[in-house]
Amino acid sequence: MRLFVAVNPPARAVQELAAAASRLRDLPGADRLRWSESAGWHLTLAFLGDVPADEVPEISRKLAGVAAEHAGFRLRLGGGGTFGDRVLWCGVAGATAALRRLAEDVRDALDVTDDHRFHPHLTLARSRFGDRGMRAMADAMAGFRGVEWEAGEIRLMRSETGFGPARYSVVDGWRLRAQGRGELRDERTPRP
């Protein structure tokens, strides 16, 4: 099974982003991209790759332990950017430090080594060969600021690829220890 661990935004946040992203499809070059299906939008904490089915119970046990040590926190989808000219993404604001700590703990618990530093994002589209028009699409997302939502669960997800867009299904999920409360604030911005 091809597995990853994720935080999934709620339906309202997905609907808002889908409305904003739909306008991008009219921009030059949009027809050359492989657009992600909104039903599968998620924030990847760790990619596990191909995992034998008999290892899933141990992975589940470890993820339950990580979830028990983390409180829920507030996030918001907003803005946009690219990874080179191959990936168009929507950014994440709010308690991003808590999201990073959660991703680090998931990766540590599952012994996931990755050469890339965790960058909170939600992938909107990909280009197989690269597309310089993605920068204009990211710029068009600059003003998007989605609804605030509670990240209160992590999920072990299965990815099935082949012809057409990837399909994702939930293998298991765990509530975070307690729900975070209070005002959403972007942790990159110092408090007054």
N, C-alpha and C. Protein backbone atom coordinates (compact mmCIF):
# COMPACT_ATOMS: atom_id res chain seq x y z
N MET A 1 0.84 -1.19 0.00
CA MET A 1 0.00 0.00 0.00
C MET A 1 0.88 1.24 0.00
N ARG A 2 0.49 2.23 -0.79
CA ARG A 2 1.21 3.51 -0.85
C ARG A 2 0.54 4.43 0.18
N LEU A 3 1.28 4.79 1.24
CA LEU A 3 0.68 5.49 2.37
C LEU A 3 1.34 6.84 2.65
N PHE A 4 0.57 7.72 3.28
CA PHE A 4 1.09 8.98 3.80
C PHE A 4 0.24 9.40 4.98
N VAL A 5 0.75 10.33 5.78
CA VAL A 5 0.04 10.85 6.95
C VAL A 5 -0.32 12.29 6.65
N ALA A 6 -1.56 12.67 6.98
CA ALA A 6 -2.03 14.00 6.60
C ALA A 6 -2.99 14.61 7.61
N VAL A 7 -3.15 15.90 7.48
CA VAL A 7 -4.23 16.66 8.11
C VAL A 7 -5.14 17.07 6.96
N ASN A 8 -6.43 16.80 7.11
CA ASN A 8 -7.38 17.12 6.05
C ASN A 8 -8.21 18.34 6.44
N PRO A 9 -8.26 19.36 5.56
CA PRO A 9 -9.11 20.51 5.86
C PRO A 9 -10.59 20.12 5.80
N PRO A 10 -11.44 20.83 6.54
CA PRO A 10 -12.87 20.52 6.53
C PRO A 10 -13.51 20.94 5.20
N ALA A 11 -14.72 20.45 4.99
CA ALA A 11 -15.44 20.69 3.73
C ALA A 11 -15.57 22.18 3.41
N ARG A 12 -15.87 23.01 4.39
CA ARG A 12 -16.06 24.44 4.12
C ARG A 12 -14.77 25.07 3.58
N ALA A 13 -13.62 24.72 4.17
CA ALA A 13 -12.35 25.26 3.70
C ALA A 13 -12.04 24.76 2.29
N VAL A 14 -12.36 23.51 2.02
CA VAL A 14 -12.14 22.94 0.69
C VAL A 14 -13.03 23.64 -0.34
N GLN A 15 -14.28 23.89 0.00
CA GLN A 15 -15.21 24.55 -0.92
C GLN A 15 -14.73 25.96 -1.26
N GLU A 16 -14.28 26.69 -0.25
CA GLU A 16 -13.76 28.05 -0.49
C GLU A 16 -12.56 28.03 -1.42
N LEU A 17 -11.65 27.12 -1.15
CA LEU A 17 -10.45 27.03 -1.97
C LEU A 17 -10.81 26.59 -3.39
N ALA A 18 -11.73 25.67 -3.51
CA ALA A 18 -12.15 25.21 -4.84
C ALA A 18 -12.71 26.36 -5.66
N ALA A 19 -13.49 27.22 -5.03
CA ALA A 19 -14.04 28.39 -5.73
C ALA A 19 -12.92 29.32 -6.19
N ALA A 20 -11.95 29.56 -5.32
CA ALA A 20 -10.83 30.44 -5.68
C ALA A 20 -9.96 29.82 -6.77
N ALA A 21 -9.70 28.53 -6.65
CA ALA A 21 -8.83 27.84 -7.61
C ALA A 21 -9.50 27.68 -8.97
N SER A 22 -10.82 27.64 -9.00
CA SER A 22 -11.52 27.47 -10.28
C SER A 22 -11.23 28.63 -11.24
N ARG A 23 -10.99 29.81 -10.69
CA ARG A 23 -10.67 30.98 -11.53
C ARG A 23 -9.30 30.84 -12.19
N LEU A 24 -8.43 30.04 -11.59
CA LEU A 24 -7.09 29.84 -12.16
C LEU A 24 -7.14 29.06 -13.46
N ARG A 25 -8.17 28.25 -13.62
CA ARG A 25 -8.26 27.38 -14.79
C ARG A 25 -8.50 28.16 -16.09
N ASP A 26 -8.84 29.45 -15.95
CA ASP A 26 -9.02 30.30 -17.13
C ASP A 26 -7.73 31.01 -17.54
N LEU A 27 -6.69 30.88 -16.75
CA LEU A 27 -5.43 31.58 -17.04
C LEU A 27 -4.62 30.82 -18.09
N PRO A 28 -3.76 31.53 -18.81
CA PRO A 28 -2.93 30.87 -19.83
C PRO A 28 -2.08 29.76 -19.21
N GLY A 29 -2.07 28.62 -19.88
CA GLY A 29 -1.28 27.48 -19.45
C GLY A 29 -2.00 26.53 -18.51
N ALA A 30 -3.15 26.93 -17.99
CA ALA A 30 -3.86 26.09 -17.03
C ALA A 30 -4.28 24.75 -17.63
N ASP A 31 -4.54 24.73 -18.92
CA ASP A 31 -4.98 23.49 -19.58
C ASP A 31 -3.84 22.47 -19.69
N ARG A 32 -2.61 22.90 -19.48
CA ARG A 32 -1.47 21.97 -19.55
C ARG A 32 -1.14 21.32 -18.21
N LEU A 33 -1.83 21.74 -17.16
CA LEU A 33 -1.53 21.24 -15.82
C LEU A 33 -2.41 20.06 -15.44
N ARG A 34 -1.91 19.24 -14.54
CA ARG A 34 -2.72 18.17 -13.94
C ARG A 34 -3.24 18.73 -12.62
N TRP A 35 -4.53 19.01 -12.57
CA TRP A 35 -5.14 19.63 -11.40
C TRP A 35 -5.52 18.57 -10.39
N SER A 36 -5.25 18.84 -9.13
CA SER A 36 -5.64 17.94 -8.04
C SER A 36 -7.15 18.00 -7.86
N GLU A 37 -7.73 16.86 -7.53
CA GLU A 37 -9.17 16.81 -7.23
C GLU A 37 -9.40 17.38 -5.83
N SER A 38 -10.35 18.27 -5.67
CA SER A 38 -10.59 18.88 -4.36
C SER A 38 -10.97 17.84 -3.31
N ALA A 39 -11.59 16.75 -3.71
CA ALA A 39 -11.95 15.70 -2.75
C ALA A 39 -10.73 15.09 -2.07
N GLY A 40 -9.57 15.20 -2.69
CA GLY A 40 -8.37 14.62 -2.13
C GLY A 40 -7.41 15.62 -1.51
N TRP A 41 -7.81 16.88 -1.39
CA TRP A 41 -6.90 17.90 -0.86
C TRP A 41 -6.55 17.61 0.59
N HIS A 42 -5.28 17.74 0.91
CA HIS A 42 -4.78 17.44 2.24
C HIS A 42 -3.46 18.16 2.46
N LEU A 43 -3.03 18.19 3.71
CA LEU A 43 -1.71 18.71 4.08
C LEU A 43 -0.88 17.50 4.49
N THR A 44 0.08 17.12 3.67
CA THR A 44 0.90 15.95 3.94
C THR A 44 1.89 16.24 5.07
N LEU A 45 1.86 15.41 6.10
CA LEU A 45 2.82 15.50 7.20
C LEU A 45 4.04 14.62 6.94
N ALA A 46 3.79 13.45 6.35
CA ALA A 46 4.88 12.51 6.06
C ALA A 46 4.43 11.57 4.96
N PHE A 47 5.31 11.34 4.00
CA PHE A 47 5.05 10.37 2.93
C PHE A 47 5.80 9.09 3.28
N LEU A 48 5.08 7.98 3.34
CA LEU A 48 5.67 6.71 3.75
C LEU A 48 6.04 5.83 2.57
N GLY A 49 5.45 6.06 1.42
CA GLY A 49 5.72 5.23 0.25
C GLY A 49 5.01 3.89 0.34
N ASP A 50 5.56 2.90 -0.34
CA ASP A 50 4.95 1.57 -0.35
C ASP A 50 5.24 0.85 0.96
N VAL A 51 4.18 0.44 1.64
CA VAL A 51 4.28 -0.19 2.96
C VAL A 51 3.53 -1.52 2.93
N PRO A 52 4.15 -2.60 3.38
CA PRO A 52 3.43 -3.88 3.47
C PRO A 52 2.26 -3.78 4.44
N ALA A 53 1.16 -4.42 4.13
CA ALA A 53 -0.05 -4.35 4.95
C ALA A 53 0.19 -4.79 6.38
N ASP A 54 1.10 -5.74 6.60
CA ASP A 54 1.32 -6.23 7.96
C ASP A 54 2.05 -5.21 8.85
N GLU A 55 2.56 -4.12 8.27
CA GLU A 55 3.21 -3.06 9.06
C GLU A 55 2.23 -1.97 9.50
N VAL A 56 1.02 -1.98 8.96
CA VAL A 56 0.05 -0.93 9.26
C VAL A 56 -0.33 -0.90 10.75
N PRO A 57 -0.54 -2.03 11.43
CA PRO A 57 -0.87 -1.94 12.86
C PRO A 57 0.19 -1.23 13.70
N GLU A 58 1.46 -1.47 13.42
CA GLU A 58 2.52 -0.79 14.17
C GLU A 58 2.57 0.69 13.84
N ILE A 59 2.37 1.04 12.59
CA ILE A 59 2.29 2.45 12.20
C ILE A 59 1.13 3.12 12.92
N SER A 60 -0.01 2.45 12.96
CA SER A 60 -1.20 2.99 13.64
C SER A 60 -0.92 3.21 15.12
N ARG A 61 -0.25 2.25 15.76
CA ARG A 61 0.07 2.38 17.18
C ARG A 61 0.94 3.62 17.41
N LYS A 62 1.94 3.81 16.59
CA LYS A 62 2.84 4.95 16.72
C LYS A 62 2.11 6.28 16.48
N LEU A 63 1.24 6.31 15.48
CA LEU A 63 0.51 7.54 15.19
C LEU A 63 -0.48 7.87 16.29
N ALA A 64 -1.08 6.86 16.91
CA ALA A 64 -1.96 7.11 18.05
C ALA A 64 -1.18 7.77 19.19
N GLY A 65 0.05 7.34 19.40
CA GLY A 65 0.90 7.95 20.43
C GLY A 65 1.23 9.40 20.12
N VAL A 66 1.53 9.69 18.86
CA VAL A 66 1.83 11.07 18.47
C VAL A 66 0.59 11.95 18.66
N ALA A 67 -0.56 11.47 18.23
CA ALA A 67 -1.80 12.26 18.35
C ALA A 67 -2.10 12.56 19.82
N ALA A 68 -1.84 11.61 20.70
CA ALA A 68 -2.12 11.80 22.13
C ALA A 68 -1.26 12.89 22.75
N GLU A 69 -0.14 13.22 22.12
CA GLU A 69 0.78 14.22 22.66
C GLU A 69 0.59 15.61 22.07
N HIS A 70 -0.31 15.77 21.11
CA HIS A 70 -0.50 17.06 20.45
C HIS A 70 -1.93 17.55 20.63
N ALA A 71 -2.03 18.83 20.95
CA ALA A 71 -3.35 19.47 21.03
C ALA A 71 -3.74 19.97 19.65
N GLY A 72 -5.04 20.11 19.43
CA GLY A 72 -5.53 20.68 18.18
C GLY A 72 -5.08 22.13 18.06
N PHE A 73 -5.13 22.66 16.84
CA PHE A 73 -4.68 24.03 16.59
C PHE A 73 -5.44 24.60 15.42
N ARG A 74 -5.38 25.92 15.26
CA ARG A 74 -6.15 26.64 14.25
C ARG A 74 -5.29 26.91 13.01
N LEU A 75 -5.89 26.67 11.84
CA LEU A 75 -5.22 26.94 10.57
C LEU A 75 -6.15 27.69 9.64
N ARG A 76 -5.58 28.19 8.58
CA ARG A 76 -6.34 28.84 7.50
C ARG A 76 -5.55 28.63 6.22
N LEU A 77 -6.25 28.29 5.13
CA LEU A 77 -5.61 28.21 3.82
C LEU A 77 -5.56 29.61 3.23
N GLY A 78 -4.48 29.94 2.55
CA GLY A 78 -4.41 31.26 1.96
C GLY A 78 -3.15 31.47 1.14
N GLY A 79 -3.26 32.36 0.19
CA GLY A 79 -2.13 32.69 -0.67
C GLY A 79 -1.79 31.55 -1.61
N GLY A 80 -0.67 31.67 -2.25
CA GLY A 80 -0.26 30.64 -3.18
C GLY A 80 1.22 30.75 -3.49
N GLY A 81 1.75 29.72 -4.08
CA GLY A 81 3.16 29.71 -4.44
C GLY A 81 3.45 28.53 -5.35
N THR A 82 4.72 28.38 -5.66
CA THR A 82 5.13 27.28 -6.53
C THR A 82 6.39 26.64 -5.97
N PHE A 83 6.59 25.40 -6.32
CA PHE A 83 7.88 24.74 -6.15
C PHE A 83 8.46 24.67 -7.56
N GLY A 84 9.35 25.61 -7.84
CA GLY A 84 9.91 25.70 -9.19
C GLY A 84 8.79 25.97 -10.19
N ASP A 85 8.83 25.28 -11.31
CA ASP A 85 7.77 25.43 -12.31
C ASP A 85 7.02 24.11 -12.48
N ARG A 86 6.99 23.29 -11.39
CA ARG A 86 6.35 21.98 -11.47
C ARG A 86 5.15 21.80 -10.55
N VAL A 87 5.07 22.57 -9.44
CA VAL A 87 3.98 22.40 -8.48
C VAL A 87 3.40 23.76 -8.11
N LEU A 88 2.08 23.88 -8.20
CA LEU A 88 1.34 25.06 -7.77
C LEU A 88 0.63 24.70 -6.48
N TRP A 89 0.78 25.55 -5.46
CA TRP A 89 0.19 25.21 -4.17
C TRP A 89 -0.51 26.40 -3.53
N CYS A 90 -1.38 26.06 -2.56
CA CYS A 90 -2.02 27.04 -1.70
C CYS A 90 -1.30 26.98 -0.36
N GLY A 91 -1.06 28.13 0.24
CA GLY A 91 -0.33 28.19 1.50
C GLY A 91 -1.21 27.93 2.71
N VAL A 92 -0.57 27.90 3.86
CA VAL A 92 -1.24 27.66 5.13
C VAL A 92 -0.78 28.74 6.10
N ALA A 93 -1.71 29.32 6.85
CA ALA A 93 -1.41 30.32 7.87
C ALA A 93 -2.02 29.87 9.19
N GLY A 94 -1.68 30.59 10.23
CA GLY A 94 -2.19 30.25 11.55
C GLY A 94 -1.12 29.59 12.38
N ALA A 95 -1.46 28.53 13.05
CA ALA A 95 -0.54 27.84 13.97
C ALA A 95 0.40 26.92 13.19
N THR A 96 1.16 27.51 12.29
CA THR A 96 2.05 26.71 11.45
C THR A 96 3.19 26.09 12.25
N ALA A 97 3.59 26.72 13.35
CA ALA A 97 4.63 26.11 14.19
C ALA A 97 4.11 24.82 14.81
N ALA A 98 2.85 24.80 15.24
CA ALA A 98 2.25 23.57 15.78
C ALA A 98 2.14 22.50 14.70
N LEU A 99 1.81 22.91 13.50
CA LEU A 99 1.73 21.97 12.38
C LEU A 99 3.11 21.39 12.07
N ARG A 100 4.13 22.23 12.10
CA ARG A 100 5.51 21.75 11.87
C ARG A 100 5.94 20.76 12.96
N ARG A 101 5.64 21.09 14.22
CA ARG A 101 6.00 20.17 15.31
C ARG A 101 5.29 18.83 15.14
N LEU A 102 4.03 18.86 14.75
CA LEU A 102 3.28 17.63 14.52
C LEU A 102 3.93 16.82 13.40
N ALA A 103 4.27 17.48 12.30
CA ALA A 103 4.92 16.78 11.18
C ALA A 103 6.26 16.18 11.62
N GLU A 104 7.03 16.94 12.38
CA GLU A 104 8.32 16.43 12.86
C GLU A 104 8.14 15.20 13.74
N ASP A 105 7.16 15.25 14.64
CA ASP A 105 6.93 14.12 15.54
C ASP A 105 6.42 12.90 14.79
N VAL A 106 5.58 13.11 13.78
CA VAL A 106 5.12 12.00 12.95
C VAL A 106 6.31 11.37 12.24
N ARG A 107 7.14 12.20 11.64
CA ARG A 107 8.31 11.69 10.91
C ARG A 107 9.28 10.97 11.84
N ASP A 108 9.49 11.53 13.02
CA ASP A 108 10.39 10.88 13.98
C ASP A 108 9.83 9.53 14.43
N ALA A 109 8.55 9.48 14.77
CA ALA A 109 7.94 8.25 15.25
C ALA A 109 7.99 7.14 14.21
N LEU A 110 7.89 7.52 12.94
CA LEU A 110 7.85 6.52 11.86
C LEU A 110 9.20 6.38 11.15
N ASP A 111 10.23 7.03 11.68
CA ASP A 111 11.57 6.97 11.09
C ASP A 111 11.58 7.35 9.61
N VAL A 112 10.85 8.42 9.29
CA VAL A 112 10.80 8.92 7.92
C VAL A 112 11.94 9.92 7.74
N THR A 113 12.79 9.65 6.78
CA THR A 113 13.85 10.60 6.46
C THR A 113 13.51 11.25 5.13
N ASP A 114 13.65 12.55 5.11
CA ASP A 114 13.29 13.32 3.93
C ASP A 114 14.33 14.42 3.77
N ASP A 115 14.80 14.60 2.56
CA ASP A 115 15.79 15.65 2.30
C ASP A 115 15.18 17.04 2.31
N HIS A 116 13.86 17.12 2.24
CA HIS A 116 13.19 18.41 2.16
C HIS A 116 12.65 18.82 3.52
N ARG A 117 12.83 20.08 3.85
CA ARG A 117 12.24 20.63 5.06
C ARG A 117 10.73 20.71 4.87
N PHE A 118 9.98 20.45 5.93
CA PHE A 118 8.52 20.50 5.86
C PHE A 118 8.07 21.92 5.52
N HIS A 119 7.27 22.03 4.48
CA HIS A 119 6.72 23.32 4.05
C HIS A 119 5.19 23.15 3.97
N PRO A 120 4.44 23.72 4.93
CA PRO A 120 2.98 23.54 4.91
C PRO A 120 2.37 24.08 3.63
N HIS A 121 1.67 23.22 2.91
CA HIS A 121 1.02 23.63 1.66
C HIS A 121 -0.01 22.57 1.26
N LEU A 122 -0.84 22.95 0.34
CA LEU A 122 -1.84 22.06 -0.25
C LEU A 122 -1.63 22.15 -1.77
N THR A 123 -1.32 21.04 -2.40
CA THR A 123 -1.02 21.02 -3.83
C THR A 123 -2.29 21.21 -4.66
N LEU A 124 -2.25 22.20 -5.55
CA LEU A 124 -3.38 22.47 -6.44
C LEU A 124 -3.18 21.84 -7.82
N ALA A 125 -1.97 21.91 -8.34
CA ALA A 125 -1.72 21.40 -9.70
C ALA A 125 -0.24 21.06 -9.86
N ARG A 126 0.02 20.21 -10.84
CA ARG A 126 1.39 19.80 -11.17
C ARG A 126 1.59 19.90 -12.68
N SER A 127 2.84 20.09 -13.03
CA SER A 127 3.22 20.07 -14.43
C SER A 127 4.32 19.03 -14.60
N ARG A 128 4.11 18.13 -15.50
CA ARG A 128 5.09 17.06 -15.72
C ARG A 128 6.40 17.62 -16.26
N PHE A 129 6.31 18.60 -17.13
CA PHE A 129 7.50 19.11 -17.80
C PHE A 129 7.90 20.51 -17.35
N GLY A 130 7.17 21.08 -16.44
CA GLY A 130 7.45 22.44 -15.99
C GLY A 130 6.64 23.44 -16.79
N ASP A 131 6.17 24.47 -16.13
CA ASP A 131 5.36 25.48 -16.78
C ASP A 131 5.61 26.82 -16.11
N ARG A 132 6.19 27.74 -16.85
CA ARG A 132 6.51 29.05 -16.29
C ARG A 132 5.26 29.86 -15.96
N GLY A 133 4.12 29.49 -16.52
CA GLY A 133 2.86 30.19 -16.24
C GLY A 133 2.35 29.97 -14.83
N MET A 134 2.92 29.03 -14.12
CA MET A 134 2.48 28.76 -12.74
C MET A 134 2.69 29.97 -11.83
N ARG A 135 3.73 30.75 -12.07
CA ARG A 135 3.99 31.91 -11.22
C ARG A 135 2.82 32.88 -11.27
N ALA A 136 2.25 33.10 -12.47
CA ALA A 136 1.10 33.99 -12.60
C ALA A 136 -0.10 33.43 -11.84
N MET A 137 -0.25 32.11 -11.85
CA MET A 137 -1.36 31.49 -11.12
C MET A 137 -1.16 31.66 -9.62
N ALA A 138 0.08 31.48 -9.15
CA ALA A 138 0.36 31.69 -7.73
C ALA A 138 0.08 33.14 -7.33
N ASP A 139 0.48 34.07 -8.20
CA ASP A 139 0.21 35.49 -7.93
C ASP A 139 -1.29 35.76 -7.86
N ALA A 140 -2.06 35.07 -8.68
CA ALA A 140 -3.52 35.25 -8.67
C ALA A 140 -4.13 34.75 -7.36
N MET A 141 -3.44 33.85 -6.66
CA MET A 141 -3.92 33.33 -5.39
C MET A 141 -3.50 34.20 -4.20
N ALA A 142 -2.69 35.20 -4.45
CA ALA A 142 -2.11 36.00 -3.36
C ALA A 142 -3.18 36.58 -2.43
N GLY A 143 -4.30 36.99 -2.95
CA GLY A 143 -5.34 37.60 -2.13
C GLY A 143 -6.29 36.61 -1.47
N PHE A 144 -6.15 35.33 -1.76
CA PHE A 144 -7.06 34.35 -1.17
C PHE A 144 -6.75 34.17 0.32
N ARG A 145 -7.78 34.26 1.11
CA ARG A 145 -7.67 34.07 2.56
C ARG A 145 -8.89 33.28 2.99
N GLY A 146 -8.69 32.01 3.26
CA GLY A 146 -9.80 31.12 3.58
C GLY A 146 -10.27 31.25 5.02
N VAL A 147 -11.31 30.51 5.31
CA VAL A 147 -11.91 30.48 6.63
C VAL A 147 -10.97 29.78 7.62
N GLU A 148 -11.00 30.22 8.84
CA GLU A 148 -10.23 29.60 9.92
C GLU A 148 -10.88 28.26 10.28
N TRP A 149 -10.06 27.26 10.57
CA TRP A 149 -10.58 25.95 10.95
C TRP A 149 -9.68 25.26 11.96
N GLU A 150 -10.24 24.27 12.61
CA GLU A 150 -9.55 23.51 13.65
C GLU A 150 -8.91 22.27 13.06
N ALA A 151 -7.59 22.16 13.19
CA ALA A 151 -6.90 20.93 12.82
C ALA A 151 -6.88 20.07 14.09
N GLY A 152 -7.71 19.07 14.12
CA GLY A 152 -7.87 18.28 15.34
C GLY A 152 -7.69 16.79 15.14
N GLU A 153 -7.17 16.39 13.97
CA GLU A 153 -7.05 14.97 13.69
C GLU A 153 -5.92 14.74 12.68
N ILE A 154 -5.22 13.62 12.84
CA ILE A 154 -4.30 13.18 11.80
C ILE A 154 -4.85 11.90 11.21
N ARG A 155 -4.54 11.67 9.94
CA ARG A 155 -5.05 10.49 9.25
C ARG A 155 -3.94 9.76 8.51
N LEU A 156 -4.01 8.46 8.56
CA LEU A 156 -3.17 7.61 7.72
C LEU A 156 -3.97 7.40 6.45
N MET A 157 -3.38 7.81 5.32
CA MET A 157 -4.09 7.80 4.05
C MET A 157 -3.42 6.83 3.07
N ARG A 158 -4.25 6.28 2.20
CA ARG A 158 -3.76 5.41 1.13
C ARG A 158 -3.92 6.15 -0.19
N SER A 159 -2.89 6.09 -1.02
CA SER A 159 -2.91 6.73 -2.32
C SER A 159 -2.92 5.65 -3.39
N GLU A 160 -3.87 5.76 -4.31
CA GLU A 160 -3.94 4.83 -5.43
C GLU A 160 -3.76 5.65 -6.71
N THR A 161 -2.70 5.33 -7.42
CA THR A 161 -2.41 6.05 -8.65
C THR A 161 -2.57 5.12 -9.84
N GLY A 162 -2.61 5.69 -10.97
CA GLY A 162 -2.79 4.95 -12.22
C GLY A 162 -3.24 5.94 -13.26
N PHE A 163 -4.22 5.57 -14.02
CA PHE A 163 -4.77 6.49 -15.01
C PHE A 163 -5.70 7.47 -14.30
N GLY A 164 -5.59 8.73 -14.69
CA GLY A 164 -6.42 9.76 -14.07
C GLY A 164 -5.80 10.27 -12.78
N PRO A 165 -6.55 11.10 -12.06
CA PRO A 165 -6.02 11.67 -10.82
C PRO A 165 -5.86 10.61 -9.73
N ALA A 166 -4.95 10.86 -8.82
CA ALA A 166 -4.76 9.95 -7.68
C ALA A 166 -6.04 9.93 -6.85
N ARG A 167 -6.31 8.77 -6.29
CA ARG A 167 -7.47 8.62 -5.39
C ARG A 167 -6.93 8.33 -4.00
N TYR A 168 -7.54 8.96 -3.00
CA TYR A 168 -7.09 8.81 -1.63
C TYR A 168 -8.20 8.23 -0.77
N SER A 169 -7.84 7.37 0.15
CA SER A 169 -8.81 6.83 1.10
C SER A 169 -8.18 6.82 2.49
N VAL A 170 -9.02 6.94 3.50
CA VAL A 170 -8.56 6.96 4.89
C VAL A 170 -8.38 5.53 5.37
N VAL A 171 -7.19 5.22 5.86
CA VAL A 171 -6.92 3.91 6.45
C VAL A 171 -7.29 3.95 7.93
N ASP A 172 -6.92 5.02 8.61
CA ASP A 172 -7.22 5.18 10.03
C ASP A 172 -7.06 6.65 10.39
N GLY A 173 -7.58 7.05 11.53
CA GLY A 173 -7.45 8.44 11.97
C GLY A 173 -7.45 8.53 13.48
N TRP A 174 -6.82 9.60 13.99
CA TRP A 174 -6.70 9.81 15.43
C TRP A 174 -6.94 11.26 15.77
N ARG A 175 -7.81 11.49 16.76
CA ARG A 175 -8.04 12.85 17.24
C ARG A 175 -6.81 13.32 17.99
N LEU A 176 -6.48 14.57 17.85
CA LEU A 176 -5.41 15.14 18.65
C LEU A 176 -5.90 15.28 20.09
N ARG A 177 -4.98 15.33 21.02
CA ARG A 177 -5.26 15.27 22.45
C ARG A 177 -6.39 16.19 22.89
N ALA A 178 -6.35 17.43 22.50
CA ALA A 178 -7.37 18.39 22.90
C ALA A 178 -7.49 19.43 21.81
N GLN A 179 -8.64 20.02 21.71
CA GLN A 179 -8.84 21.04 20.69
C GLN A 179 -8.23 22.35 21.15
N GLY A 180 -7.46 22.99 20.28
CA GLY A 180 -6.91 24.31 20.57
C GLY A 180 -8.02 25.34 20.51
N ARG A 181 -7.88 26.39 21.25
CA ARG A 181 -8.88 27.45 21.27
C ARG A 181 -8.17 28.79 21.12
N GLY A 182 -8.94 29.79 20.85
CA GLY A 182 -8.39 31.14 20.82
C GLY A 182 -8.30 31.68 19.42
N GLU A 183 -7.75 32.86 19.37
CA GLU A 183 -7.67 33.60 18.11
C GLU A 183 -6.60 33.00 17.20
N LEU A 184 -6.92 32.94 15.94
CA LEU A 184 -5.95 32.49 14.94
C LEU A 184 -4.92 33.59 14.77
N ARG A 185 -3.66 33.20 14.78
CA ARG A 185 -2.64 34.20 14.51
C ARG A 185 -1.56 33.52 13.68
N ASP A 186 -1.02 34.26 12.76
CA ASP A 186 0.04 33.74 11.91
C ASP A 186 1.31 33.78 12.73
N GLU A 187 1.89 32.61 12.99
CA GLU A 187 3.05 32.54 13.87
C GLU A 187 4.30 33.10 13.22
N ARG A 188 4.25 33.44 11.95
CA ARG A 188 5.39 34.09 11.32
C ARG A 188 5.41 35.57 11.66
N THR A 189 4.28 36.10 12.13
CA THR A 189 4.16 37.52 12.46
C THR A 189 4.28 37.68 13.97
N PRO A 190 5.23 38.50 14.44
CA PRO A 190 5.37 38.69 15.89
C PRO A 190 4.13 39.35 16.48
N ARG A 191 3.87 39.00 17.72
CA ARG A 191 2.75 39.63 18.43
C ARG A 191 3.07 41.10 18.70
N PRO A 192 2.03 41.95 18.71
CA PRO A 192 2.27 43.37 19.02
C PRO A 192 2.69 43.57 20.45
